[in-house]
């Protein structure tokens, strides 16, 4: 990431009340009612930092919010890396299953089951244990979890108002609980603008399980957009719906502001 950091201004955005050490909101506090409203908060951050456009990376909640931001403000988004994105609203069966789970499991355990595979939860590697600790120390996590589970549909389309007008890289780990959702999202996007990466041994959170491979994929993604000079990298085994093409690379470095925004990567809690 050092090579990338040299060329980009890096901004990390946490959802309200999810930053490390955040105090609990008082009883009756009105949390933002929807992920769409969170997306509408991003322009205020960019304006404050005098940022014209971004290349965004988001995981789970962050992926959904950045995709919505890309639909609402396409002029401000040059590219998106979306990890574990689920663009659909919950169906009745999912809603009922979620309600039943809430009767027998704590919010922390439900979030962990959403983030990691059953194998990872059973083995309880350090990321699972650390996630449990962070969630236990994040008193406002149930508010964000409730918002995520009541999300609306992104309404993605290959063309028209529901289409992303920027290059997008969709990432998911093999055996991930989000694999079907990401595959379906990929089918809804323009194949000439979208790449799909299923990471072997990526688990539920590929940015944690295989960070080096994800960084390498991100470098290729940026190079396809004309950013980051070509450097020696090992061949990454991946499935792509389409090549991003070399025309952008031929244009060289673009003159406008270049920003890497990480939707909800890192910080506490891990993004659902």
Protein backbone atom coordinates (compact mmCIF):
# COMPACT_ATOMS: atom_id res chain seq x y z
CA UNK A 1 0.00 0.00 0.00
CA UNK A 2 2.99 2.34 0.34
CA UNK A 3 3.27 2.63 -3.44
CA UNK A 4 -0.42 3.49 -3.67
CA UNK A 5 -0.24 5.86 -0.72
CA UNK A 6 2.45 7.90 -2.45
CA UNK A 7 0.04 8.80 -5.24
CA UNK A 8 -3.22 9.20 -3.36
CA UNK A 9 -4.64 11.15 -0.47
CA UNK A 10 -6.10 8.45 1.78
CA UNK A 11 -9.34 9.12 3.68
CA UNK A 12 -11.03 6.64 6.02
CA UNK A 13 -14.71 7.26 6.75
CA UNK A 14 -16.42 5.54 9.67
CA UNK A 15 -20.21 5.43 10.01
CA UNK A 16 -21.49 7.68 12.82
CA UNK A 17 -20.69 6.28 16.26
CA UNK A 18 -18.51 3.47 14.91
CA UNK A 19 -15.14 5.13 15.41
CA UNK A 20 -12.81 3.63 17.99
CA UNK A 21 -13.66 4.80 21.49
CA UNK A 22 -17.01 6.29 20.47
CA UNK A 23 -19.35 6.76 23.47
CA UNK A 24 -22.80 5.15 23.37
CA UNK A 25 -25.60 7.26 22.00
CA UNK A 26 -28.22 8.19 24.61
CA UNK A 27 -31.56 6.33 24.72
CA UNK A 28 -33.92 7.61 22.04
CA UNK A 29 -31.11 8.94 19.83
CA UNK A 30 -32.22 9.04 16.20
CA UNK A 31 -29.55 7.24 14.20
CA UNK A 32 -29.49 8.00 10.44
CA UNK A 33 -32.48 6.06 9.14
CA UNK A 34 -30.93 4.55 6.01
CA UNK A 35 -27.71 3.66 4.22
CA UNK A 36 -28.84 6.02 1.48
CA UNK A 37 -28.64 8.89 3.98
CA UNK A 38 -25.11 7.83 4.90
CA UNK A 39 -24.22 8.05 1.20
CA UNK A 40 -25.53 11.61 1.12
CA UNK A 41 -23.14 12.53 3.95
CA UNK A 42 -20.07 11.79 1.83
CA UNK A 43 -20.25 15.00 -0.28
CA UNK A 44 -19.96 17.06 2.91
CA UNK A 45 -16.75 15.22 3.82
CA UNK A 46 -15.30 15.66 0.33
CA UNK A 47 -16.23 19.34 0.24
CA UNK A 48 -14.61 19.92 3.63
CA UNK A 49 -11.39 18.25 2.43
CA UNK A 50 -11.57 19.98 -0.98
CA UNK A 51 -11.65 16.65 -2.83
CA UNK A 52 -13.17 16.60 -6.30
CA UNK A 53 -13.33 12.86 -6.97
CA UNK A 54 -12.49 9.53 -5.39
CA UNK A 55 -11.54 5.95 -6.01
CA UNK A 56 -13.51 4.22 -3.26
CA UNK A 57 -12.97 0.95 -1.40
CA UNK A 58 -15.80 -0.36 0.76
CA UNK A 59 -16.59 -3.61 2.58
CA UNK A 60 -20.15 -4.72 3.32
CA UNK A 61 -21.93 -1.62 4.61
CA UNK A 62 -19.17 0.54 3.15
CA UNK A 63 -19.54 -1.16 -0.26
CA UNK A 64 -23.29 -0.53 -0.30
CA UNK A 65 -22.86 3.11 0.76
CA UNK A 66 -20.15 3.81 -1.82
CA UNK A 67 -22.17 2.15 -4.59
CA UNK A 68 -25.15 4.33 -3.67
CA UNK A 69 -22.88 7.37 -3.66
CA UNK A 70 -21.66 6.38 -7.13
CA UNK A 71 -25.25 6.25 -8.38
CA UNK A 72 -26.15 9.61 -6.83
CA UNK A 73 -22.93 11.45 -7.69
CA UNK A 74 -21.25 9.75 -10.67
CA UNK A 75 -19.18 12.85 -11.39
CA UNK A 76 -17.36 12.41 -8.07
CA UNK A 77 -16.47 8.71 -8.44
CA UNK A 78 -13.67 7.53 -10.72
CA UNK A 79 -13.72 3.88 -9.62
CA UNK A 80 -15.02 1.54 -6.93
CA UNK A 81 -13.68 -1.58 -5.25
CA UNK A 82 -16.64 -3.27 -3.57
CA UNK A 83 -15.96 -6.17 -1.21
CA UNK A 84 -18.86 -8.41 -0.08
CA UNK A 85 -21.49 -6.10 -1.53
CA UNK A 86 -25.12 -7.18 -1.22
CA UNK A 87 -27.20 -4.77 -3.33
CA UNK A 88 -30.57 -6.29 -2.50
CA UNK A 89 -33.04 -5.57 0.25
CA UNK A 90 -33.83 -8.48 2.55
CA UNK A 91 -36.64 -10.75 1.46
CA UNK A 92 -39.36 -12.00 3.82
CA UNK A 93 -37.57 -15.30 4.47
CA UNK A 94 -34.32 -13.53 5.33
CA UNK A 95 -36.17 -11.05 7.52
CA UNK A 96 -37.90 -13.86 9.44
CA UNK A 97 -34.62 -15.77 9.86
CA UNK A 98 -32.96 -12.62 11.17
CA UNK A 99 -35.74 -12.07 13.70
CA UNK A 100 -35.53 -15.67 14.91
CA UNK A 101 -31.73 -15.44 15.22
CA UNK A 102 -32.16 -12.35 17.36
CA UNK A 103 -34.11 -14.39 19.91
CA UNK A 104 -31.24 -16.79 20.52
CA UNK A 105 -28.07 -14.88 19.57
CA UNK A 106 -26.53 -11.58 20.63
CA UNK A 107 -26.02 -8.80 18.10
CA UNK A 108 -22.28 -9.41 18.26
CA UNK A 109 -22.67 -13.08 17.31
CA UNK A 110 -25.11 -12.27 14.51
CA UNK A 111 -22.67 -9.75 13.04
CA UNK A 112 -19.81 -12.23 13.29
CA UNK A 113 -21.92 -14.86 11.52
CA UNK A 114 -22.50 -12.30 8.80
CA UNK A 115 -18.82 -11.40 8.50
CA UNK A 116 -17.13 -14.79 8.64
CA UNK A 117 -17.68 -18.31 7.32
CA UNK A 118 -18.89 -21.09 9.60
CA UNK A 119 -15.45 -22.71 9.36
CA UNK A 120 -13.79 -19.50 10.53
CA UNK A 121 -16.21 -19.11 13.42
CA UNK A 122 -15.60 -22.71 14.52
CA UNK A 123 -11.81 -22.33 14.34
CA UNK A 124 -11.92 -18.87 15.96
CA UNK A 125 -8.69 -17.50 14.40
CA UNK A 126 -7.32 -14.15 15.62
CA UNK A 127 -9.49 -12.03 13.25
CA UNK A 128 -12.65 -13.61 14.68
CA UNK A 129 -11.51 -13.13 18.27
CA UNK A 130 -10.43 -9.55 17.58
CA UNK A 131 -13.71 -8.83 15.82
CA UNK A 132 -15.65 -10.11 18.81
CA UNK A 133 -13.63 -7.88 21.13
CA UNK A 134 -14.06 -4.79 18.93
CA UNK A 135 -17.78 -5.34 18.56
CA UNK A 136 -18.11 -5.80 22.32
CA UNK A 137 -16.40 -2.45 22.78
CA UNK A 138 -18.57 -0.67 20.17
CA UNK A 139 -21.84 0.17 21.93
CA UNK A 140 -23.47 1.68 18.83
CA UNK A 141 -22.90 -1.35 16.58
CA UNK A 142 -26.52 -2.58 16.96
CA UNK A 143 -27.75 0.70 15.43
CA UNK A 144 -25.69 0.23 12.27
CA UNK A 145 -26.58 -3.48 12.15
CA UNK A 146 -30.28 -2.66 12.33
CA UNK A 147 -29.93 -0.07 9.58
CA UNK A 148 -28.11 -2.52 7.32
CA UNK A 149 -30.79 -5.17 7.74
CA UNK A 150 -33.54 -2.70 6.84
CA UNK A 151 -31.74 -1.41 3.74
CA UNK A 152 -33.56 -0.83 0.49
CA UNK A 153 -32.56 -2.26 -2.87
CA UNK A 154 -29.78 -0.44 -4.75
CA UNK A 155 -31.70 -0.95 -7.98
CA UNK A 156 -28.58 -1.64 -10.04
CA UNK A 157 -28.94 -1.86 -13.83
CA UNK A 158 -26.57 -2.33 -16.73
CA UNK A 159 -27.62 1.00 -18.21
CA UNK A 160 -29.68 4.03 -17.33
CA UNK A 161 -30.09 5.73 -13.98
CA UNK A 162 -29.34 2.54 -12.05
CA UNK A 163 -25.96 1.92 -13.65
CA UNK A 164 -22.53 2.67 -12.23
CA UNK A 165 -20.70 4.91 -14.68
CA UNK A 166 -17.21 4.07 -13.42
CA UNK A 167 -14.95 1.00 -13.41
CA UNK A 168 -15.85 -1.38 -10.59
CA UNK A 169 -14.03 -4.33 -9.05
CA UNK A 170 -16.23 -6.76 -7.13
CA UNK A 171 -14.41 -8.93 -4.60
CA UNK A 172 -15.56 -11.91 -2.52
CA UNK A 173 -13.84 -14.84 -0.82
CA UNK A 174 -14.52 -18.42 -1.79
CA UNK A 175 -17.06 -20.08 0.50
CA UNK A 176 -18.05 -16.62 1.70
CA UNK A 177 -21.61 -16.12 2.98
CA UNK A 178 -21.77 -13.22 0.49
CA UNK A 179 -20.72 -15.11 -2.63
CA UNK A 180 -24.19 -15.44 -4.16
CA UNK A 181 -24.99 -11.76 -3.52
CA UNK A 182 -21.75 -10.58 -5.16
CA UNK A 183 -22.24 -12.88 -8.15
CA UNK A 184 -25.76 -11.51 -8.61
CA UNK A 185 -24.47 -7.95 -8.29
CA UNK A 186 -21.90 -8.68 -10.97
CA UNK A 187 -24.63 -9.90 -13.32
CA UNK A 188 -26.47 -6.58 -12.94
CA UNK A 189 -23.53 -4.34 -13.86
CA UNK A 190 -22.08 -3.34 -17.22
CA UNK A 191 -19.58 -6.12 -18.13
CA UNK A 192 -17.38 -3.65 -20.00
CA UNK A 193 -16.85 -1.67 -16.79
CA UNK A 194 -16.88 -4.44 -14.19
CA UNK A 195 -14.34 -7.02 -13.01
CA UNK A 196 -15.15 -9.90 -10.66
CA UNK A 197 -12.59 -11.43 -8.31
CA UNK A 198 -13.31 -14.52 -6.18
CA UNK A 199 -10.32 -14.98 -3.92
CA UNK A 200 -9.14 -18.47 -3.03
CA UNK A 201 -8.75 -18.89 0.72
CA UNK A 202 -10.37 -15.48 1.12
CA UNK A 203 -12.87 -16.58 3.74
CA UNK A 204 -15.58 -14.18 4.77
CA UNK A 205 -13.28 -11.15 4.85
CA UNK A 206 -10.71 -11.35 2.01
CA UNK A 207 -9.15 -8.02 2.98
CA UNK A 208 -8.15 -9.71 6.26
CA UNK A 209 -7.45 -13.24 5.05
CA UNK A 210 -5.56 -12.33 1.86
CA UNK A 211 -4.49 -8.67 2.12
CA UNK A 212 -1.48 -9.02 -0.21
CA UNK A 213 -3.59 -10.52 -3.00
CA UNK A 214 -6.24 -7.84 -2.61
CA UNK A 215 -3.64 -5.07 -2.74
CA UNK A 216 -2.20 -6.62 -5.89
CA UNK A 217 -5.65 -6.73 -7.49
CA UNK A 218 -6.19 -3.11 -6.47
CA UNK A 219 -2.92 -2.11 -8.16
CA UNK A 220 -4.02 -3.77 -11.39
CA UNK A 221 -7.36 -1.99 -11.08
CA UNK A 222 -5.68 1.39 -10.68
CA UNK A 223 -3.31 0.69 -13.55
CA UNK A 224 -6.29 -0.05 -15.78
CA UNK A 225 -7.59 3.40 -14.90
CA UNK A 226 -4.28 5.04 -15.81
CA UNK A 227 -2.94 5.40 -12.27
CA UNK A 228 0.13 3.88 -10.59
CA UNK A 229 3.07 3.13 -12.87
CA UNK A 230 3.42 -0.49 -13.92
CA UNK A 231 5.56 -2.50 -11.51
CA UNK A 232 6.66 -6.11 -11.27
CA UNK A 233 3.86 -8.12 -9.72
CA UNK A 234 3.10 -11.83 -9.67
CA UNK A 235 0.29 -12.99 -11.90
CA UNK A 236 -2.96 -12.98 -9.97
CA UNK A 237 -5.28 -15.88 -10.70
CA UNK A 238 -8.69 -14.32 -11.06
CA UNK A 239 -11.92 -14.36 -13.02
CA UNK A 240 -12.70 -11.17 -14.88
CA UNK A 241 -15.89 -10.30 -16.67
CA UNK A 242 -13.99 -7.88 -18.89
CA UNK A 243 -10.64 -6.24 -19.29
CA UNK A 244 -10.56 -2.64 -18.20
CA UNK A 245 -8.57 -1.98 -21.34
CA UNK A 246 -5.31 -0.16 -21.92
CA UNK A 247 -6.70 3.04 -23.39
CA UNK A 248 -6.80 4.71 -19.99
CA UNK A 249 -3.20 3.68 -19.30
CA UNK A 250 -2.09 5.29 -22.53
CA UNK A 251 -3.40 8.60 -21.30
CA UNK A 252 -0.85 8.63 -18.48
CA UNK A 253 -1.47 10.20 -15.10
CA UNK A 254 -4.63 12.24 -14.91
CA UNK A 255 -4.36 15.80 -13.80
CA UNK A 256 -7.28 16.01 -11.40
CA UNK A 257 -7.42 15.28 -7.72
CA UNK A 258 -6.89 11.57 -6.96
CA UNK A 259 -8.23 10.17 -3.76
CA UNK A 260 -8.50 6.76 -2.18
CA UNK A 261 -11.50 6.59 0.13
CA UNK A 262 -11.98 3.44 2.23
CA UNK A 263 -15.64 3.10 3.03
CA UNK A 264 -15.56 1.01 6.19
CA UNK A 265 -12.31 -0.89 5.90
CA UNK A 266 -10.63 -1.19 9.26
CA UNK A 267 -11.81 0.71 12.30
CA UNK A 268 -14.35 -0.69 14.71
CA UNK A 269 -16.39 -2.69 14.10
CA UNK A 270 -15.55 -4.62 10.93
CA UNK A 271 -18.01 -3.64 8.23
CA UNK A 272 -21.02 -5.92 7.98
